[in-house]
Amino acid sequence: MDPVAALQALFTAAMDDGRVGKDVNDLRKKWEEFQDALLKGDEKKAKDHLRDLQKELQEAGDKGKMDPLFIKEALASIQGIATQYGLDLPPAKP
């Protein structure tokens, strides 16, 4: 499965079942901004939004605000997207 589609499916399921907690709107906004930049071919903005999403997920994990398995899967998908589109992101924290 395409990493963007995989992450979209993961986000949709996690938003529906509550695994993302109260930060659902922030994550949805960052995800939509990333997708919009990607569709417009704006690599810099896509990278920035993907990095913001990565950071938000890591911070939520550090604070115990989201399901750890969801965060692990989402961060792995983000790395897959970065690789596929040649976006240079820092590695996700373990």
N, C-alpha and C. Protein backbone atom coordinates (compact mmCIF):
# COMPACT_ATOMS: atom_id res chain seq x y z
N MET A 1 0.85 -1.19 0.00
CA MET A 1 0.00 0.00 0.00
C MET A 1 0.90 1.25 0.00
N ASP A 2 0.48 2.23 -0.71
CA ASP A 2 1.18 3.52 -0.75
C ASP A 2 1.25 4.09 0.67
N PRO A 3 2.43 4.60 1.09
CA PRO A 3 2.56 5.09 2.46
C PRO A 3 1.61 6.24 2.81
N VAL A 4 1.29 7.10 1.85
CA VAL A 4 0.34 8.18 2.13
C VAL A 4 -1.04 7.59 2.40
N ALA A 5 -1.46 6.65 1.57
CA ALA A 5 -2.77 6.01 1.76
C ALA A 5 -2.79 5.22 3.07
N ALA A 6 -1.67 4.57 3.39
CA ALA A 6 -1.59 3.79 4.64
C ALA A 6 -1.73 4.70 5.85
N LEU A 7 -1.03 5.84 5.82
CA LEU A 7 -1.12 6.76 6.96
C LEU A 7 -2.50 7.39 7.03
N GLN A 8 -3.10 7.68 5.89
CA GLN A 8 -4.47 8.21 5.87
C GLN A 8 -5.42 7.21 6.52
N ALA A 9 -5.29 5.95 6.17
CA ALA A 9 -6.16 4.92 6.74
C ALA A 9 -5.93 4.78 8.25
N LEU A 10 -4.67 4.83 8.66
CA LEU A 10 -4.34 4.73 10.08
C LEU A 10 -4.93 5.92 10.84
N PHE A 11 -4.75 7.14 10.31
CA PHE A 11 -5.30 8.32 10.97
C PHE A 11 -6.82 8.25 11.06
N THR A 12 -7.46 7.86 9.98
CA THR A 12 -8.92 7.78 9.98
C THR A 12 -9.41 6.80 11.04
N ALA A 13 -8.81 5.62 11.08
CA ALA A 13 -9.21 4.62 12.07
C ALA A 13 -8.95 5.11 13.50
N ALA A 14 -7.78 5.71 13.71
CA ALA A 14 -7.42 6.18 15.05
C ALA A 14 -8.29 7.35 15.50
N MET A 15 -8.68 8.20 14.56
CA MET A 15 -9.55 9.31 14.91
C MET A 15 -10.95 8.80 15.25
N ASP A 16 -11.39 7.78 14.51
CA ASP A 16 -12.72 7.22 14.75
C ASP A 16 -12.80 6.47 16.08
N ASP A 17 -11.72 5.77 16.46
CA ASP A 17 -11.79 4.96 17.68
C ASP A 17 -11.16 5.61 18.91
N GLY A 18 -10.69 6.85 18.76
CA GLY A 18 -10.21 7.59 19.92
C GLY A 18 -8.75 7.41 20.30
N ARG A 19 -7.98 6.69 19.50
CA ARG A 19 -6.57 6.48 19.85
C ARG A 19 -5.74 7.75 19.82
N VAL A 20 -6.21 8.79 19.16
CA VAL A 20 -5.45 10.03 19.10
C VAL A 20 -5.82 11.01 20.20
N GLY A 21 -6.80 10.66 21.01
CA GLY A 21 -7.15 11.51 22.14
C GLY A 21 -7.69 12.87 21.72
N LYS A 22 -7.42 13.85 22.58
CA LYS A 22 -7.98 15.19 22.38
C LYS A 22 -7.26 15.99 21.30
N ASP A 23 -6.13 15.50 20.82
CA ASP A 23 -5.35 16.22 19.82
C ASP A 23 -5.80 15.92 18.39
N VAL A 24 -6.96 15.34 18.24
CA VAL A 24 -7.43 14.91 16.93
C VAL A 24 -7.49 16.06 15.93
N ASN A 25 -7.96 17.22 16.35
CA ASN A 25 -8.11 18.34 15.40
C ASN A 25 -6.76 18.87 14.94
N ASP A 26 -5.79 18.94 15.86
CA ASP A 26 -4.45 19.39 15.48
C ASP A 26 -3.82 18.44 14.48
N LEU A 27 -3.94 17.15 14.74
CA LEU A 27 -3.37 16.16 13.82
C LEU A 27 -4.06 16.22 12.46
N ARG A 28 -5.38 16.33 12.47
CA ARG A 28 -6.12 16.39 11.21
C ARG A 28 -5.69 17.61 10.39
N LYS A 29 -5.53 18.75 11.05
CA LYS A 29 -5.12 19.96 10.35
C LYS A 29 -3.72 19.80 9.74
N LYS A 30 -2.79 19.28 10.52
CA LYS A 30 -1.42 19.09 10.01
C LYS A 30 -1.40 18.10 8.85
N TRP A 31 -2.19 17.04 8.96
CA TRP A 31 -2.25 16.03 7.90
C TRP A 31 -2.83 16.65 6.62
N GLU A 32 -3.90 17.42 6.75
CA GLU A 32 -4.51 18.05 5.58
C GLU A 32 -3.57 19.06 4.94
N GLU A 33 -2.81 19.81 5.75
CA GLU A 33 -1.85 20.76 5.21
C GLU A 33 -0.74 20.03 4.45
N PHE A 34 -0.29 18.90 4.99
CA PHE A 34 0.71 18.10 4.28
C PHE A 34 0.17 17.62 2.94
N GLN A 35 -1.02 17.05 2.95
CA GLN A 35 -1.60 16.52 1.71
C GLN A 35 -1.79 17.62 0.68
N ASP A 36 -2.24 18.79 1.12
CA ASP A 36 -2.44 19.91 0.21
C ASP A 36 -1.12 20.33 -0.43
N ALA A 37 -0.07 20.44 0.38
CA ALA A 37 1.24 20.82 -0.16
C ALA A 37 1.76 19.77 -1.13
N LEU A 38 1.55 18.51 -0.81
CA LEU A 38 1.99 17.42 -1.67
C LEU A 38 1.27 17.46 -3.01
N LEU A 39 -0.03 17.68 -2.98
CA LEU A 39 -0.82 17.76 -4.21
C LEU A 39 -0.40 18.95 -5.08
N LYS A 40 0.01 20.03 -4.43
CA LYS A 40 0.44 21.23 -5.17
C LYS A 40 1.89 21.13 -5.63
N GLY A 41 2.58 20.07 -5.21
CA GLY A 41 3.96 19.89 -5.61
C GLY A 41 4.94 20.78 -4.85
N ASP A 42 4.51 21.32 -3.72
CA ASP A 42 5.36 22.19 -2.91
C ASP A 42 6.15 21.33 -1.92
N GLU A 43 7.32 20.89 -2.36
CA GLU A 43 8.12 19.96 -1.56
C GLU A 43 8.52 20.55 -0.21
N LYS A 44 8.89 21.83 -0.18
CA LYS A 44 9.31 22.44 1.07
C LYS A 44 8.18 22.46 2.09
N LYS A 45 7.00 22.90 1.66
CA LYS A 45 5.86 22.94 2.59
C LYS A 45 5.46 21.53 3.01
N ALA A 46 5.49 20.59 2.08
CA ALA A 46 5.15 19.21 2.42
C ALA A 46 6.10 18.68 3.49
N LYS A 47 7.38 18.94 3.30
CA LYS A 47 8.38 18.50 4.28
C LYS A 47 8.13 19.17 5.63
N ASP A 48 7.88 20.47 5.63
CA ASP A 48 7.63 21.20 6.88
C ASP A 48 6.41 20.64 7.61
N HIS A 49 5.33 20.40 6.88
CA HIS A 49 4.11 19.89 7.51
C HIS A 49 4.31 18.45 8.01
N LEU A 50 5.03 17.65 7.27
CA LEU A 50 5.30 16.28 7.69
C LEU A 50 6.18 16.28 8.94
N ARG A 51 7.16 17.16 8.97
CA ARG A 51 8.02 17.28 10.15
C ARG A 51 7.21 17.75 11.36
N ASP A 52 6.30 18.70 11.16
CA ASP A 52 5.43 19.15 12.25
C ASP A 52 4.56 18.02 12.78
N LEU A 53 4.05 17.23 11.87
CA LEU A 53 3.23 16.08 12.25
C LEU A 53 4.06 15.07 13.05
N GLN A 54 5.27 14.82 12.59
CA GLN A 54 6.18 13.92 13.28
C GLN A 54 6.45 14.43 14.70
N LYS A 55 6.74 15.71 14.81
CA LYS A 55 7.04 16.32 16.11
C LYS A 55 5.83 16.25 17.04
N GLU A 56 4.65 16.54 16.52
CA GLU A 56 3.43 16.50 17.33
C GLU A 56 3.19 15.09 17.88
N LEU A 57 3.38 14.10 17.04
CA LEU A 57 3.20 12.72 17.47
C LEU A 57 4.22 12.34 18.54
N GLN A 58 5.47 12.73 18.35
CA GLN A 58 6.50 12.40 19.32
C GLN A 58 6.22 13.08 20.66
N GLU A 59 5.80 14.32 20.64
CA GLU A 59 5.49 15.03 21.87
C GLU A 59 4.29 14.41 22.58
N ALA A 60 3.29 14.01 21.81
CA ALA A 60 2.12 13.35 22.40
C ALA A 60 2.52 12.03 23.05
N GLY A 61 3.43 11.32 22.40
CA GLY A 61 3.92 10.07 22.98
C GLY A 61 4.70 10.30 24.25
N ASP A 62 5.54 11.33 24.26
CA ASP A 62 6.32 11.66 25.45
C ASP A 62 5.42 12.01 26.63
N LYS A 63 4.28 12.61 26.35
CA LYS A 63 3.36 13.02 27.40
C LYS A 63 2.29 11.97 27.71
N GLY A 64 2.33 10.85 26.98
CA GLY A 64 1.34 9.79 27.20
C GLY A 64 -0.06 10.17 26.78
N LYS A 65 -0.18 11.06 25.78
CA LYS A 65 -1.48 11.57 25.36
C LYS A 65 -2.14 10.74 24.26
N MET A 66 -1.39 9.80 23.66
CA MET A 66 -1.93 8.98 22.58
C MET A 66 -1.46 7.54 22.74
N ASP A 67 -2.16 6.67 22.07
CA ASP A 67 -1.83 5.26 22.08
C ASP A 67 -0.42 5.04 21.52
N PRO A 68 0.47 4.40 22.29
CA PRO A 68 1.86 4.22 21.84
C PRO A 68 1.99 3.41 20.55
N LEU A 69 1.16 2.40 20.36
CA LEU A 69 1.24 1.60 19.14
C LEU A 69 0.84 2.44 17.92
N PHE A 70 -0.20 3.27 18.09
CA PHE A 70 -0.60 4.16 17.01
C PHE A 70 0.55 5.09 16.64
N ILE A 71 1.19 5.68 17.65
CA ILE A 71 2.30 6.61 17.40
C ILE A 71 3.43 5.89 16.67
N LYS A 72 3.77 4.70 17.10
CA LYS A 72 4.84 3.93 16.46
C LYS A 72 4.52 3.67 14.99
N GLU A 73 3.30 3.25 14.71
CA GLU A 73 2.88 2.97 13.34
C GLU A 73 2.86 4.25 12.50
N ALA A 74 2.37 5.33 13.08
CA ALA A 74 2.29 6.60 12.35
C ALA A 74 3.68 7.14 12.03
N LEU A 75 4.59 7.07 12.98
CA LEU A 75 5.95 7.56 12.75
C LEU A 75 6.66 6.72 11.69
N ALA A 76 6.42 5.41 11.71
CA ALA A 76 7.02 4.56 10.67
C ALA A 76 6.46 4.93 9.29
N SER A 77 5.17 5.20 9.22
CA SER A 77 4.56 5.60 7.95
C SER A 77 5.10 6.95 7.48
N ILE A 78 5.31 7.86 8.41
CA ILE A 78 5.87 9.17 8.06
C ILE A 78 7.26 9.00 7.46
N GLN A 79 8.07 8.13 8.05
CA GLN A 79 9.41 7.87 7.49
C GLN A 79 9.29 7.28 6.09
N GLY A 80 8.31 6.39 5.89
CA GLY A 80 8.09 5.80 4.57
C GLY A 80 7.71 6.85 3.54
N ILE A 81 6.87 7.79 3.94
CA ILE A 81 6.47 8.88 3.05
C ILE A 81 7.68 9.74 2.71
N ALA A 82 8.46 10.08 3.73
CA ALA A 82 9.65 10.90 3.51
C ALA A 82 10.60 10.23 2.53
N THR A 83 10.79 8.94 2.69
CA THR A 83 11.67 8.19 1.79
C THR A 83 11.12 8.18 0.37
N GLN A 84 9.83 7.89 0.25
CA GLN A 84 9.20 7.81 -1.07
C GLN A 84 9.30 9.12 -1.84
N TYR A 85 9.13 10.24 -1.14
CA TYR A 85 9.12 11.53 -1.81
C TYR A 85 10.44 12.29 -1.69
N GLY A 86 11.46 11.64 -1.15
CA GLY A 86 12.78 12.26 -1.04
C GLY A 86 12.81 13.45 -0.11
N LEU A 87 12.00 13.39 0.95
CA LEU A 87 11.96 14.48 1.92
C LEU A 87 12.88 14.14 3.08
N ASP A 88 13.79 15.05 3.38
CA ASP A 88 14.80 14.81 4.40
C ASP A 88 14.23 15.16 5.78
N LEU A 89 13.83 14.13 6.53
CA LEU A 89 13.29 14.33 7.87
C LEU A 89 14.26 13.75 8.88
N PRO A 90 14.29 14.33 10.08
CA PRO A 90 15.10 13.69 11.12
C PRO A 90 14.48 12.35 11.47
N PRO A 91 15.29 11.38 11.89
CA PRO A 91 14.71 10.09 12.26
C PRO A 91 13.80 10.24 13.47
N ALA A 92 12.75 9.45 13.50
CA ALA A 92 11.83 9.47 14.64
C ALA A 92 12.53 8.90 15.86
N LYS A 93 12.22 9.44 17.02
CA LYS A 93 12.77 8.90 18.26
C LYS A 93 12.17 7.52 18.51
N PRO A 94 12.96 6.62 19.05
CA PRO A 94 12.42 5.27 19.33
C PRO A 94 11.41 5.29 20.45
